[in-house]
PDB file of N, CA and C in Angstrom:
ATOM      1  N   MET A   1       0.837  -1.179   0.000  1.00  0.00           N
ATOM      2  CA  MET A   1       0.000   0.000   0.000  1.00  0.00           C
ATOM      3  C   MET A   1       0.882   1.243   0.000  1.00  0.00           C
ATOM      4  N   THR A   2       0.491   2.222  -0.773  1.00  0.00           N
ATOM      5  CA  THR A   2       1.220   3.476  -0.854  1.00  0.00           C
ATOM      6  C   THR A   2       0.466   4.546  -0.088  1.00  0.00           C
ATOM      7  N   THR A   3       1.192   5.281   0.727  1.00  0.00           N
ATOM      8  CA  THR A   3       0.628   6.422   1.430  1.00  0.00           C
ATOM      9  C   THR A   3       1.092   7.680   0.712  1.00  0.00           C
ATOM     10  N   PHE A   4       0.143   8.522   0.327  1.00  0.00           N
ATOM     11  CA  PHE A   4       0.464   9.801  -0.299  1.00  0.00           C
ATOM     12  C   PHE A   4       0.195  10.912   0.705  1.00  0.00           C
ATOM     13  N   LEU A   5       1.183  11.758   0.921  1.00  0.00           N
ATOM     14  CA  LEU A   5       1.027  12.912   1.807  1.00  0.00           C
ATOM     15  C   LEU A   5       1.329  14.172   1.029  1.00  0.00           C
ATOM     16  N   GLY A   6       0.641  15.257   1.377  1.00  0.00           N
ATOM     17  CA  GLY A   6       0.862  16.543   0.738  1.00  0.00           C
ATOM     18  C   GLY A   6       1.597  17.496   1.648  1.00  0.00           C
ATOM     19  N   ARG A   7       1.801  18.698   1.163  1.00  0.00           N
ATOM     20  CA  ARG A   7       2.583  19.677   1.920  1.00  0.00           C
ATOM     21  C   ARG A   7       1.906  20.113   3.213  1.00  0.00           C
ATOM     22  N   HIS A   8       0.608  19.902   3.328  1.00  0.00           N
ATOM     23  CA  HIS A   8      -0.105  20.322   4.532  1.00  0.00           C
ATOM     24  C   HIS A   8      -0.311  19.177   5.529  1.00  0.00           C
ATOM     25  N   ASP A   9       0.151  17.995   5.168  1.00  0.00           N
ATOM     26  CA  ASP A   9       0.042  16.856   6.083  1.00  0.00           C
ATOM     27  C   ASP A   9       1.154  16.912   7.124  1.00  0.00           C
ATOM     28  N   GLU A  10       0.950  16.196   8.186  1.00  0.00           N
ATOM     29  CA  GLU A  10       1.921  16.136   9.283  1.00  0.00           C
ATOM     30  C   GLU A  10       2.985  15.083   8.960  1.00  0.00           C
ATOM     31  N   VAL A  11       3.914  15.455   8.099  1.00  0.00           N
ATOM     32  CA  VAL A  11       4.939  14.536   7.612  1.00  0.00           C
ATOM     33  C   VAL A  11       5.814  14.029   8.759  1.00  0.00           C
ATOM     34  N   ASP A  12       6.280  14.931   9.600  1.00  0.00           N
ATOM     35  CA  ASP A  12       7.150  14.511  10.710  1.00  0.00           C
ATOM     36  C   ASP A  12       6.440  13.522  11.622  1.00  0.00           C
ATOM     37  N   ASP A  13       5.176  13.776  11.906  1.00  0.00           N
ATOM     38  CA  ASP A  13       4.405  12.854  12.752  1.00  0.00           C
ATOM     39  C   ASP A  13       4.283  11.484  12.081  1.00  0.00           C
ATOM     40  N   HIS A  14       4.091  11.474  10.777  1.00  0.00           N
ATOM     41  CA  HIS A  14       3.980  10.216  10.037  1.00  0.00           C
ATOM     42  C   HIS A  14       5.278   9.415  10.168  1.00  0.00           C
ATOM     43  N   ILE A  15       6.402  10.073   9.981  1.00  0.00           N
ATOM     44  CA  ILE A  15       7.692   9.389  10.075  1.00  0.00           C
ATOM     45  C   ILE A  15       7.952   8.902  11.494  1.00  0.00           C
ATOM     46  N   ILE A  16       7.623   9.715  12.481  1.00  0.00           N
ATOM     47  CA  ILE A  16       7.780   9.313  13.879  1.00  0.00           C
ATOM     48  C   ILE A  16       6.937   8.069  14.170  1.00  0.00           C
ATOM     49  N   THR A  17       5.729   8.024  13.642  1.00  0.00           N
ATOM     50  CA  THR A  17       4.858   6.864  13.833  1.00  0.00           C
ATOM     51  C   THR A  17       5.453   5.617  13.184  1.00  0.00           C
ATOM     52  N   LEU A  18       6.007   5.757  11.985  1.00  0.00           N
ATOM     53  CA  LEU A  18       6.634   4.614  11.317  1.00  0.00           C
ATOM     54  C   LEU A  18       7.776   4.061  12.153  1.00  0.00           C
ATOM     55  N   VAL A  19       8.611   4.958  12.664  1.00  0.00           N
ATOM     56  CA  VAL A  19       9.744   4.534  13.495  1.00  0.00           C
ATOM     57  C   VAL A  19       9.241   3.873  14.772  1.00  0.00           C
ATOM     58  N   ALA A  20       8.215   4.463  15.378  1.00  0.00           N
ATOM     59  CA  ALA A  20       7.656   3.902  16.620  1.00  0.00           C
ATOM     60  C   ALA A  20       7.102   2.497  16.413  1.00  0.00           C
ATOM     61  N   HIS A  21       6.658   2.213  15.196  1.00  0.00           N
ATOM     62  CA  HIS A  21       6.145   0.879  14.885  1.00  0.00           C
ATOM     63  C   HIS A  21       7.258  -0.068  14.439  1.00  0.00           C
ATOM     64  N   GLY A  22       8.505   0.375  14.566  1.00  0.00           N
ATOM     65  CA  GLY A  22       9.642  -0.498  14.293  1.00  0.00           C
ATOM     66  C   GLY A  22      10.172  -0.501  12.884  1.00  0.00           C
ATOM     67  N   ALA A  23       9.692   0.382  12.026  1.00  0.00           N
ATOM     68  CA  ALA A  23      10.150   0.406  10.638  1.00  0.00           C
ATOM     69  C   ALA A  23      11.551   0.992  10.524  1.00  0.00           C
ATOM     70  N   ASP A  24      12.271   0.499   9.549  1.00  0.00           N
ATOM     71  CA  ASP A  24      13.557   1.061   9.151  1.00  0.00           C
ATOM     72  C   ASP A  24      13.226   2.096   8.076  1.00  0.00           C
ATOM     73  N   VAL A  25      13.139   3.357   8.464  1.00  0.00           N
ATOM     74  CA  VAL A  25      12.690   4.418   7.558  1.00  0.00           C
ATOM     75  C   VAL A  25      13.871   4.924   6.745  1.00  0.00           C
ATOM     76  N   ARG A  26      13.704   4.930   5.439  1.00  0.00           N
ATOM     77  CA  ARG A  26      14.721   5.429   4.510  1.00  0.00           C
ATOM     78  C   ARG A  26      14.103   6.571   3.709  1.00  0.00           C
ATOM     79  N   VAL A  27      14.615   7.772   3.873  1.00  0.00           N
ATOM     80  CA  VAL A  27      14.082   8.952   3.200  1.00  0.00           C
ATOM     81  C   VAL A  27      14.951   9.266   1.988  1.00  0.00           C
ATOM     82  N   VAL A  28      14.288   9.415   0.836  1.00  0.00           N
ATOM     83  CA  VAL A  28      14.960   9.740  -0.420  1.00  0.00           C
ATOM     84  C   VAL A  28      14.330  11.005  -0.974  1.00  0.00           C
ATOM     85  N   ARG A  29      15.144  12.000  -1.252  1.00  0.00           N
ATOM     86  CA  ARG A  29      14.649  13.229  -1.868  1.00  0.00           C
ATOM     87  C   ARG A  29      14.332  12.945  -3.338  1.00  0.00           C
ATOM     88  N   ALA A  30      13.299  13.565  -3.859  1.00  0.00           N
ATOM     89  CA  ALA A  30      12.793  13.218  -5.190  1.00  0.00           C
ATOM     90  C   ALA A  30      13.727  13.577  -6.335  1.00  0.00           C
ATOM     91  N   GLY A  31      14.408  14.697  -6.276  1.00  0.00           N
ATOM     92  CA  GLY A  31      15.205  15.123  -7.419  1.00  0.00           C
ATOM     93  C   GLY A  31      14.376  15.960  -8.370  1.00  0.00           C
ATOM     94  N   THR A  32      15.011  16.422  -9.435  1.00  0.00           N
ATOM     95  CA  THR A  32      14.339  17.320 -10.377  1.00  0.00           C
ATOM     96  C   THR A  32      14.243  16.762 -11.787  1.00  0.00           C
ATOM     97  N   GLY A  33      14.863  15.645 -12.040  1.00  0.00           N
ATOM     98  CA  GLY A  33      14.830  15.001 -13.345  1.00  0.00           C
ATOM     99  C   GLY A  33      15.419  13.611 -13.214  1.00  0.00           C
ATOM    100  N   LYS A  34      15.449  12.864 -14.297  1.00  0.00           N
ATOM    101  CA  LYS A  34      15.897  11.469 -14.251  1.00  0.00           C
ATOM    102  C   LYS A  34      17.257  11.324 -13.590  1.00  0.00           C
ATOM    103  N   ARG A  35      18.227  12.100 -14.052  1.00  0.00           N
ATOM    104  CA  ARG A  35      19.589  11.972 -13.529  1.00  0.00           C
ATOM    105  C   ARG A  35      19.631  12.210 -12.021  1.00  0.00           C
ATOM    106  N   SER A  36      18.992  13.283 -11.553  1.00  0.00           N
ATOM    107  CA  SER A  36      19.048  13.587 -10.119  1.00  0.00           C
ATOM    108  C   SER A  36      18.210  12.609  -9.299  1.00  0.00           C
ATOM    109  N   VAL A  37      17.103  12.116  -9.864  1.00  0.00           N
ATOM    110  CA  VAL A  37      16.291  11.115  -9.163  1.00  0.00           C
ATOM    111  C   VAL A  37      17.140   9.873  -8.891  1.00  0.00           C
ATOM    112  N   LEU A  38      17.802   9.379  -9.912  1.00  0.00           N
ATOM    113  CA  LEU A  38      18.615   8.177  -9.760  1.00  0.00           C
ATOM    114  C   LEU A  38      19.790   8.422  -8.814  1.00  0.00           C
ATOM    115  N   ALA A  39      20.390   9.604  -8.884  1.00  0.00           N
ATOM    116  CA  ALA A  39      21.498   9.941  -7.983  1.00  0.00           C
ATOM    117  C   ALA A  39      21.020  10.019  -6.535  1.00  0.00           C
ATOM    118  N   GLU A  40      19.832  10.572  -6.316  1.00  0.00           N
ATOM    119  CA  GLU A  40      19.290  10.662  -4.960  1.00  0.00           C
ATOM    120  C   GLU A  40      19.032   9.273  -4.375  1.00  0.00           C
ATOM    121  N   PHE A  41      18.459   8.369  -5.171  1.00  0.00           N
ATOM    122  CA  PHE A  41      18.237   7.006  -4.695  1.00  0.00           C
ATOM    123  C   PHE A  41      19.567   6.324  -4.381  1.00  0.00           C
ATOM    124  N   ALA A  42      20.538   6.464  -5.284  1.00  0.00           N
ATOM    125  CA  ALA A  42      21.838   5.823  -5.071  1.00  0.00           C
ATOM    126  C   ALA A  42      22.489   6.313  -3.793  1.00  0.00           C
ATOM    127  N   SER A  43      22.447   7.606  -3.560  1.00  0.00           N
ATOM    128  CA  SER A  43      23.085   8.185  -2.384  1.00  0.00           C
ATOM    129  C   SER A  43      22.343   7.852  -1.098  1.00  0.00           C
ATOM    130  N   ALA A  44      21.050   8.130  -1.072  1.00  0.00           N
ATOM    131  CA  ALA A  44      20.266   7.959   0.154  1.00  0.00           C
ATOM    132  C   ALA A  44      20.173   6.504   0.594  1.00  0.00           C
ATOM    133  N   LEU A  45      20.100   5.595  -0.365  1.00  0.00           N
ATOM    134  CA  LEU A  45      19.945   4.184  -0.029  1.00  0.00           C
ATOM    135  C   LEU A  45      21.270   3.431  -0.050  1.00  0.00           C
ATOM    136  N   GLU A  46      22.351   4.164  -0.343  1.00  0.00           N
ATOM    137  CA  GLU A  46      23.681   3.554  -0.425  1.00  0.00           C
ATOM    138  C   GLU A  46      23.642   2.309  -1.302  1.00  0.00           C
ATOM    139  N   LEU A  47      23.157   2.506  -2.539  1.00  0.00           N
ATOM    140  CA  LEU A  47      23.009   1.387  -3.461  1.00  0.00           C
ATOM    141  C   LEU A  47      24.376   0.837  -3.847  1.00  0.00           C
ATOM    142  N   PRO A  48      24.428  -0.449  -4.208  1.00  0.00           N
ATOM    143  CA  PRO A  48      25.720  -1.102  -4.493  1.00  0.00           C
ATOM    144  C   PRO A  48      26.403  -0.520  -5.733  1.00  0.00           C
ATOM    145  N   ALA A  49      27.666  -0.834  -5.869  1.00  0.00           N
ATOM    146  CA  ALA A  49      28.471  -0.313  -6.979  1.00  0.00           C
ATOM    147  C   ALA A  49      27.918  -0.725  -8.344  1.00  0.00           C
ATOM    148  N   TRP A  50      27.209  -1.850  -8.408  1.00  0.00           N
ATOM    149  CA  TRP A  50      26.682  -2.295  -9.698  1.00  0.00           C
ATOM    150  C   TRP A  50      25.489  -1.470 -10.167  1.00  0.00           C
ATOM    151  N   PHE A  51      24.946  -0.595  -9.297  1.00  0.00           N
ATOM    152  CA  PHE A  51      23.782   0.211  -9.679  1.00  0.00           C
ATOM    153  C   PHE A  51      24.129   1.040 -10.910  1.00  0.00           C
ATOM    154  N   GLY A  52      23.379   0.848 -11.990  1.00  0.00           N
ATOM    155  CA  GLY A  52      23.711   1.430 -13.287  1.00  0.00           C
ATOM    156  C   GLY A  52      23.079   2.767 -13.604  1.00  0.00           C
ATOM    157  N   HIS A  53      22.427   3.402 -12.640  1.00  0.00           N
ATOM    158  CA  HIS A  53      21.812   4.716 -12.838  1.00  0.00           C
ATOM    159  C   HIS A  53      20.861   4.733 -14.033  1.00  0.00           C
ATOM    160  N   ASN A  54      20.021   3.689 -14.100  1.00  0.00           N
ATOM    161  CA  ASN A  54      18.936   3.639 -15.080  1.00  0.00           C
ATOM    162  C   ASN A  54      17.727   3.025 -14.388  1.00  0.00           C
ATOM    163  N   TRP A  55      16.581   3.073 -15.034  1.00  0.00           N
ATOM    164  CA  TRP A  55      15.340   2.627 -14.394  1.00  0.00           C
ATOM    165  C   TRP A  55      15.363   1.140 -14.049  1.00  0.00           C
ATOM    166  N   ASP A  56      15.874   0.310 -14.960  1.00  0.00           N
ATOM    167  CA  ASP A  56      15.919  -1.131 -14.678  1.00  0.00           C
ATOM    168  C   ASP A  56      16.814  -1.429 -13.480  1.00  0.00           C
ATOM    169  N   ALA A  57      17.930  -0.724 -13.385  1.00  0.00           N
ATOM    170  CA  ALA A  57      18.830  -0.918 -12.247  1.00  0.00           C
ATOM    171  C   ALA A  57      18.167  -0.464 -10.947  1.00  0.00           C
ATOM    172  N   LEU A  58      17.348   0.586 -11.007  1.00  0.00           N
ATOM    173  CA  LEU A  58      16.630   1.028  -9.813  1.00  0.00           C
ATOM    174  C   LEU A  58      15.659  -0.052  -9.347  1.00  0.00           C
ATOM    175  N   VAL A  59      14.927  -0.633 -10.269  1.00  0.00           N
ATOM    176  CA  VAL A  59      14.003  -1.717  -9.916  1.00  0.00           C
ATOM    177  C   VAL A  59      14.778  -2.855  -9.248  1.00  0.00           C
ATOM    178  N   ASP A  60      15.873  -3.263  -9.864  1.00  0.00           N
ATOM    179  CA  ASP A  60      16.665  -4.362  -9.311  1.00  0.00           C
ATOM    180  C   ASP A  60      17.205  -4.022  -7.926  1.00  0.00           C
ATOM    181  N   ALA A  61      17.714  -2.810  -7.761  1.00  0.00           N
ATOM    182  CA  ALA A  61      18.284  -2.402  -6.470  1.00  0.00           C
ATOM    183  C   ALA A  61      17.209  -2.347  -5.388  1.00  0.00           C
ATOM    184  N   LEU A  62      16.030  -1.843  -5.735  1.00  0.00           N
ATOM    185  CA  LEU A  62      14.939  -1.789  -4.756  1.00  0.00           C
ATOM    186  C   LEU A  62      14.453  -3.183  -4.386  1.00  0.00           C
ATOM    187  N   ARG A  63      14.477  -4.093  -5.331  1.00  0.00           N
ATOM    188  CA  ARG A  63      14.091  -5.474  -5.035  1.00  0.00           C
ATOM    189  C   ARG A  63      15.056  -6.121  -4.048  1.00  0.00           C
ATOM    190  N   GLU A  64      16.313  -5.706  -4.080  1.00  0.00           N
ATOM    191  CA  GLU A  64      17.329  -6.291  -3.213  1.00  0.00           C
ATOM    192  C   GLU A  64      17.595  -5.473  -1.949  1.00  0.00           C
ATOM    193  N   LEU A  65      16.935  -4.368  -1.792  1.00  0.00           N
ATOM    194  CA  LEU A  65      17.140  -3.506  -0.628  1.00  0.00           C
ATOM    195  C   LEU A  65      16.832  -4.278   0.648  1.00  0.00           C
ATOM    196  N   SER A  66      17.757  -4.220   1.601  1.00  0.00           N
ATOM    197  CA  SER A  66      17.557  -4.963   2.847  1.00  0.00           C
ATOM    198  C   SER A  66      18.217  -4.220   4.000  1.00  0.00           C
ATOM    199  N   ASN A  67      18.013  -4.771   5.177  1.00  0.00           N
ATOM    200  CA  ASN A  67      18.710  -4.263   6.353  1.00  0.00           C
ATOM    201  C   ASN A  67      19.222  -5.464   7.134  1.00  0.00           C
ATOM    202  N   ASP A  68      20.072  -5.200   8.102  1.00  0.00           N
ATOM    203  CA  ASP A  68      20.702  -6.291   8.846  1.00  0.00           C
ATOM    204  C   ASP A  68      19.807  -6.917   9.906  1.00  0.00           C
ATOM    205  N   ASP A  69      18.770  -6.207  10.319  1.00  0.00           N
ATOM    206  CA  ASP A  69      17.989  -6.703  11.450  1.00  0.00           C
ATOM    207  C   ASP A  69      16.606  -7.232  11.079  1.00  0.00           C
ATOM    208  N   GLY A  70      16.297  -7.304   9.786  1.00  0.00           N
ATOM    209  CA  GLY A  70      15.042  -7.900   9.350  1.00  0.00           C
ATOM    210  C   GLY A  70      13.795  -7.063   9.558  1.00  0.00           C
ATOM    211  N   ARG A  71      13.975  -5.798   9.974  1.00  0.00           N
ATOM    212  CA  ARG A  71      12.796  -4.941  10.155  1.00  0.00           C
ATOM    213  C   ARG A  71      12.195  -4.572   8.808  1.00  0.00           C
ATOM    214  N   ARG A  72      10.924  -4.231   8.841  1.00  0.00           N
ATOM    215  CA  ARG A  72      10.227  -3.718   7.660  1.00  0.00           C
ATOM    216  C   ARG A  72      10.890  -2.409   7.228  1.00  0.00           C
ATOM    217  N   ILE A  73      11.097  -2.262   5.947  1.00  0.00           N
ATOM    218  CA  ILE A  73      11.661  -1.030   5.398  1.00  0.00           C
ATOM    219  C   ILE A  73      10.516  -0.149   4.943  1.00  0.00           C
ATOM    220  N   GLU A  74      10.545   1.101   5.334  1.00  0.00           N
ATOM    221  CA  GLU A  74       9.565   2.087   4.869  1.00  0.00           C
ATOM    222  C   GLU A  74      10.326   3.110   4.036  1.00  0.00           C
ATOM    223  N   LEU A  75      10.070   3.095   2.749  1.00  0.00           N
ATOM    224  CA  LEU A  75      10.711   4.016   1.830  1.00  0.00           C
ATOM    225  C   LEU A  75       9.863   5.277   1.738  1.00  0.00           C
ATOM    226  N   VAL A  76      10.456   6.410   2.078  1.00  0.00           N
ATOM    227  CA  VAL A  76       9.767   7.697   2.047  1.00  0.00           C
ATOM    228  C   VAL A  76      10.399   8.520   0.927  1.00  0.00           C
ATOM    229  N   TRP A  77       9.624   8.759  -0.124  1.00  0.00           N
ATOM    230  CA  TRP A  77      10.095   9.559  -1.257  1.00  0.00           C
ATOM    231  C   TRP A  77       9.558  10.966  -1.053  1.00  0.00           C
ATOM    232  N   ASP A  78      10.448  11.886  -0.705  1.00  0.00           N
ATOM    233  CA  ASP A  78      10.056  13.209  -0.232  1.00  0.00           C
ATOM    234  C   ASP A  78      10.326  14.297  -1.273  1.00  0.00           C
ATOM    235  N   HIS A  79       9.582  15.373  -1.165  1.00  0.00           N
ATOM    236  CA  HIS A  79       9.734  16.565  -2.024  1.00  0.00           C
ATOM    237  C   HIS A  79       9.472  16.236  -3.496  1.00  0.00           C
ATOM    238  N   ALA A  80       8.432  15.469  -3.757  1.00  0.00           N
ATOM    239  CA  ALA A  80       8.115  15.039  -5.114  1.00  0.00           C
ATOM    240  C   ALA A  80       7.377  16.103  -5.928  1.00  0.00           C
ATOM    241  N   HIS A  81       6.943  17.179  -5.287  1.00  0.00           N
ATOM    242  CA  HIS A  81       6.138  18.195  -5.971  1.00  0.00           C
ATOM    243  C   HIS A  81       6.859  18.806  -7.173  1.00  0.00           C
ATOM    244  N   GLU A  82       8.102  19.208  -6.985  1.00  0.00           N
ATOM    245  CA  GLU A  82       8.830  19.855  -8.084  1.00  0.00           C
ATOM    246  C   GLU A  82       8.990  18.921  -9.272  1.00  0.00           C
ATOM    247  N   LEU A  83       9.310  17.659  -9.011  1.00  0.00           N
ATOM    248  CA  LEU A  83       9.441  16.699 -10.104  1.00  0.00           C
ATOM    249  C   LEU A  83       8.097  16.482 -10.788  1.00  0.00           C
ATOM    250  N   ARG A  84       7.039  16.367  -9.998  1.00  0.00           N
ATOM    251  CA  ARG A  84       5.701  16.165 -10.581  1.00  0.00           C
ATOM    252  C   ARG A  84       5.324  17.323 -11.491  1.00  0.00           C
ATOM    253  N   GLU A  85       5.698  18.538 -11.099  1.00  0.00           N
ATOM    254  CA  GLU A  85       5.366  19.722 -11.890  1.00  0.00           C
ATOM    255  C   GLU A  85       6.270  19.881 -13.118  1.00  0.00           C
ATOM    256  N   SER A  86       7.566  19.640 -12.950  1.00  0.00           N
ATOM    257  CA  SER A  86       8.511  19.910 -14.035  1.00  0.00           C
ATOM    258  C   SER A  86       8.680  18.736 -14.997  1.00  0.00           C
ATOM    259  N   ALA A  87       8.518  17.530 -14.514  1.00  0.00           N
ATOM    260  CA  ALA A  87       8.714  16.343 -15.351  1.00  0.00           C
ATOM    261  C   ALA A  87       7.673  15.286 -14.978  1.00  0.00           C
ATOM    262  N   PRO A  88       6.403  15.537 -15.335  1.00  0.00           N
ATOM    263  CA  PRO A  88       5.332  14.625 -14.896  1.00  0.00           C
ATOM    264  C   PRO A  88       5.508  13.188 -15.378  1.00  0.00           C
ATOM    265  N   GLU A  89       6.113  12.988 -16.544  1.00  0.00           N
ATOM    266  CA  GLU A  89       6.313  11.621 -17.028  1.00  0.00           C
ATOM    267  C   GLU A  89       7.311  10.888 -16.151  1.00  0.00           C
ATOM    268  N   THR A  90       8.378  11.581 -15.766  1.00  0.00           N
ATOM    269  CA  THR A  90       9.378  10.976 -14.889  1.00  0.00           C
ATOM    270  C   THR A  90       8.771  10.688 -13.522  1.00  0.00           C
ATOM    271  N   TYR A  91       8.014  11.635 -13.000  1.00  0.00           N
ATOM    272  CA  TYR A  91       7.338  11.440 -11.710  1.00  0.00           C
ATOM    273  C   TYR A  91       6.454  10.187 -11.769  1.00  0.00           C
ATOM    274  N   ALA A  92       5.623  10.082 -12.803  1.00  0.00           N
ATOM    275  CA  ALA A  92       4.713   8.945 -12.930  1.00  0.00           C
ATOM    276  C   ALA A  92       5.480   7.629 -13.050  1.00  0.00           C
ATOM    277  N   LEU A  93       6.588   7.639 -13.771  1.00  0.00           N
ATOM    278  CA  LEU A  93       7.389   6.436 -13.928  1.00  0.00           C
ATOM    279  C   LEU A  93       7.996   6.003 -12.593  1.00  0.00           C
ATOM    280  N   VAL A  94       8.520   6.960 -11.838  1.00  0.00           N
ATOM    281  CA  VAL A  94       9.106   6.620 -10.536  1.00  0.00           C
ATOM    282  C   VAL A  94       8.032   6.077  -9.593  1.00  0.00           C
ATOM    283  N   VAL A  95       6.872   6.705  -9.575  1.00  0.00           N
ATOM    284  CA  VAL A  95       5.777   6.198  -8.729  1.00  0.00           C
ATOM    285  C   VAL A  95       5.430   4.771  -9.146  1.00  0.00           C
ATOM    286  N   ASP A  96       5.342   4.512 -10.438  1.00  0.00           N
ATOM    287  CA  ASP A  96       5.045   3.157 -10.915  1.00  0.00           C
ATOM    288  C   ASP A  96       6.107   2.156 -10.455  1.00  0.00           C
ATOM    289  N   ILE A  97       7.381   2.536 -10.566  1.00  0.00           N
ATOM    290  CA  ILE A  97       8.473   1.664 -10.139  1.00  0.00           C
ATOM    291  C   ILE A  97       8.374   1.380  -8.647  1.00  0.00           C
ATOM    292  N   LEU A  98       8.198   2.433  -7.859  1.00  0.00           N
ATOM    293  CA  LEU A  98       8.128   2.268  -6.410  1.00  0.00           C
ATOM    294  C   LEU A  98       6.948   1.390  -6.008  1.00  0.00           C
ATOM    295  N   GLU A  99       5.794   1.641  -6.614  1.00  0.00           N
ATOM    296  CA  GLU A  99       4.612   0.841  -6.280  1.00  0.00           C
ATOM    297  C   GLU A  99       4.759  -0.607  -6.737  1.00  0.00           C
ATOM    298  N   GLN A 100       5.360  -0.812  -7.886  1.00  0.00           N
ATOM    299  CA  GLN A 100       5.583  -2.183  -8.384  1.00  0.00           C
ATOM    300  C   GLN A 100       6.433  -2.965  -7.394  1.00  0.00           C
ATOM    301  N   VAL A 101       7.550  -2.373  -6.971  1.00  0.00           N
ATOM    302  CA  VAL A 101       8.438  -3.088  -6.054  1.00  0.00           C
ATOM    303  C   VAL A 101       7.773  -3.264  -4.689  1.00  0.00           C
ATOM    304  N   ALA A 102       7.078  -2.248  -4.203  1.00  0.00           N
ATOM    305  CA  ALA A 102       6.386  -2.362  -2.909  1.00  0.00           C
ATOM    306  C   ALA A 102       5.323  -3.452  -2.966  1.00  0.00           C
ATOM    307  N   ASP A 103       4.642  -3.595  -4.102  1.00  0.00           N
ATOM    308  CA  ASP A 103       3.628  -4.645  -4.247  1.00  0.00           C
ATOM    309  C   ASP A 103       4.246  -6.045  -4.259  1.00  0.00           C
ATOM    310  N   GLU A 104       5.481  -6.139  -4.724  1.00  0.00           N
ATOM    311  CA  GLU A 104       6.165  -7.428  -4.787  1.00  0.00           C
ATOM    312  C   GLU A 104       6.702  -7.877  -3.433  1.00  0.00           C
ATOM    313  N   ARG A 105       6.900  -6.920  -2.530  1.00  0.00           N
ATOM    314  CA  ARG A 105       7.570  -7.222  -1.261  1.00  0.00           C
ATOM    315  C   ARG A 105       6.631  -7.005  -0.076  1.00  0.00           C
ATOM    316  N   ASP A 106       6.591  -7.994   0.807  1.00  0.00           N
ATOM    317  CA  ASP A 106       5.806  -7.862   2.028  1.00  0.00           C
ATOM    318  C   ASP A 106       6.507  -6.996   3.075  1.00  0.00           C
ATOM    319  N   ASP A 107       7.810  -6.805   2.913  1.00  0.00           N
ATOM    320  CA  ASP A 107       8.606  -6.106   3.916  1.00  0.00           C
ATOM    321  C   ASP A 107       8.982  -4.679   3.504  1.00  0.00           C
ATOM    322  N   LEU A 108       8.273  -4.137   2.521  1.00  0.00           N
ATOM    323  CA  LEU A 108       8.582  -2.788   2.040  1.00  0.00           C
ATOM    324  C   LEU A 108       7.315  -1.955   1.940  1.00  0.00           C
ATOM    325  N   GLY A 109       7.292  -0.856   2.686  1.00  0.00           N
ATOM    326  CA  GLY A 109       6.195   0.092   2.611  1.00  0.00           C
ATOM    327  C   GLY A 109       6.647   1.335   1.854  1.00  0.00           C
ATOM    328  N   LEU A 110       5.700   2.113   1.397  1.00  0.00           N
ATOM    329  CA  LEU A 110       6.013   3.266   0.561  1.00  0.00           C
ATOM    330  C   LEU A 110       5.176   4.467   0.976  1.00  0.00           C
ATOM    331  N   THR A 111       5.854   5.588   1.181  1.00  0.00           N
ATOM    332  CA  THR A 111       5.198   6.873   1.411  1.00  0.00           C
ATOM    333  C   THR A 111       5.749   7.852   0.388  1.00  0.00           C
ATOM    334  N   ILE A 112       4.861   8.532  -0.314  1.00  0.00           N
ATOM    335  CA  ILE A 112       5.248   9.562  -1.274  1.00  0.00           C
ATOM    336  C   ILE A 112       4.752  10.894  -0.732  1.00  0.00           C
ATOM    337  N   ILE A 113       5.685  11.826  -0.578  1.00  0.00           N
ATOM    338  CA  ILE A 113       5.342  13.137  -0.023  1.00  0.00           C
ATOM    339  C   ILE A 113       5.449  14.174  -1.123  1.00  0.00           C
ATOM    340  N   ASP A 114       4.334  14.791  -1.422  1.00  0.00           N
ATOM    341  CA  ASP A 114       4.234  15.772  -2.505  1.00  0.00           C
ATOM    342  C   ASP A 114       4.267  17.178  -1.904  1.00  0.00           C
ATOM    343  N   ARG A 115       5.468  17.613  -1.569  1.00  0.00           N
ATOM    344  CA  ARG A 115       5.631  18.972  -1.034  1.00  0.00           C
ATOM    345  C   ARG A 115       6.798  19.651  -1.679  1.00  0.00           C
TER     346      ARG A 115
END
């Protein structure tokens, strides 16, 4: 399930609640275009060296995303508003990728923040 939050929602409270429920929260800034989106994911999630900075590599990396303690991962994609406005096709593609991988995994939740 994907949670969508806007700029007027209580984002900090949402993240605090996720942590309180034991989630391993990973926050990724949205970026402004394809190149910066992929760079933000690579940096924030510390993706492996094989990450090829393309959409297929992002799908593969998200499928393999894990933590050492087995907690549920909550991926928070933040500040998506600018990307949605400036590059709506890229925004829609990233949302599709994130939702596809979240649907495949029982241990991955997704929050998209449009601010």
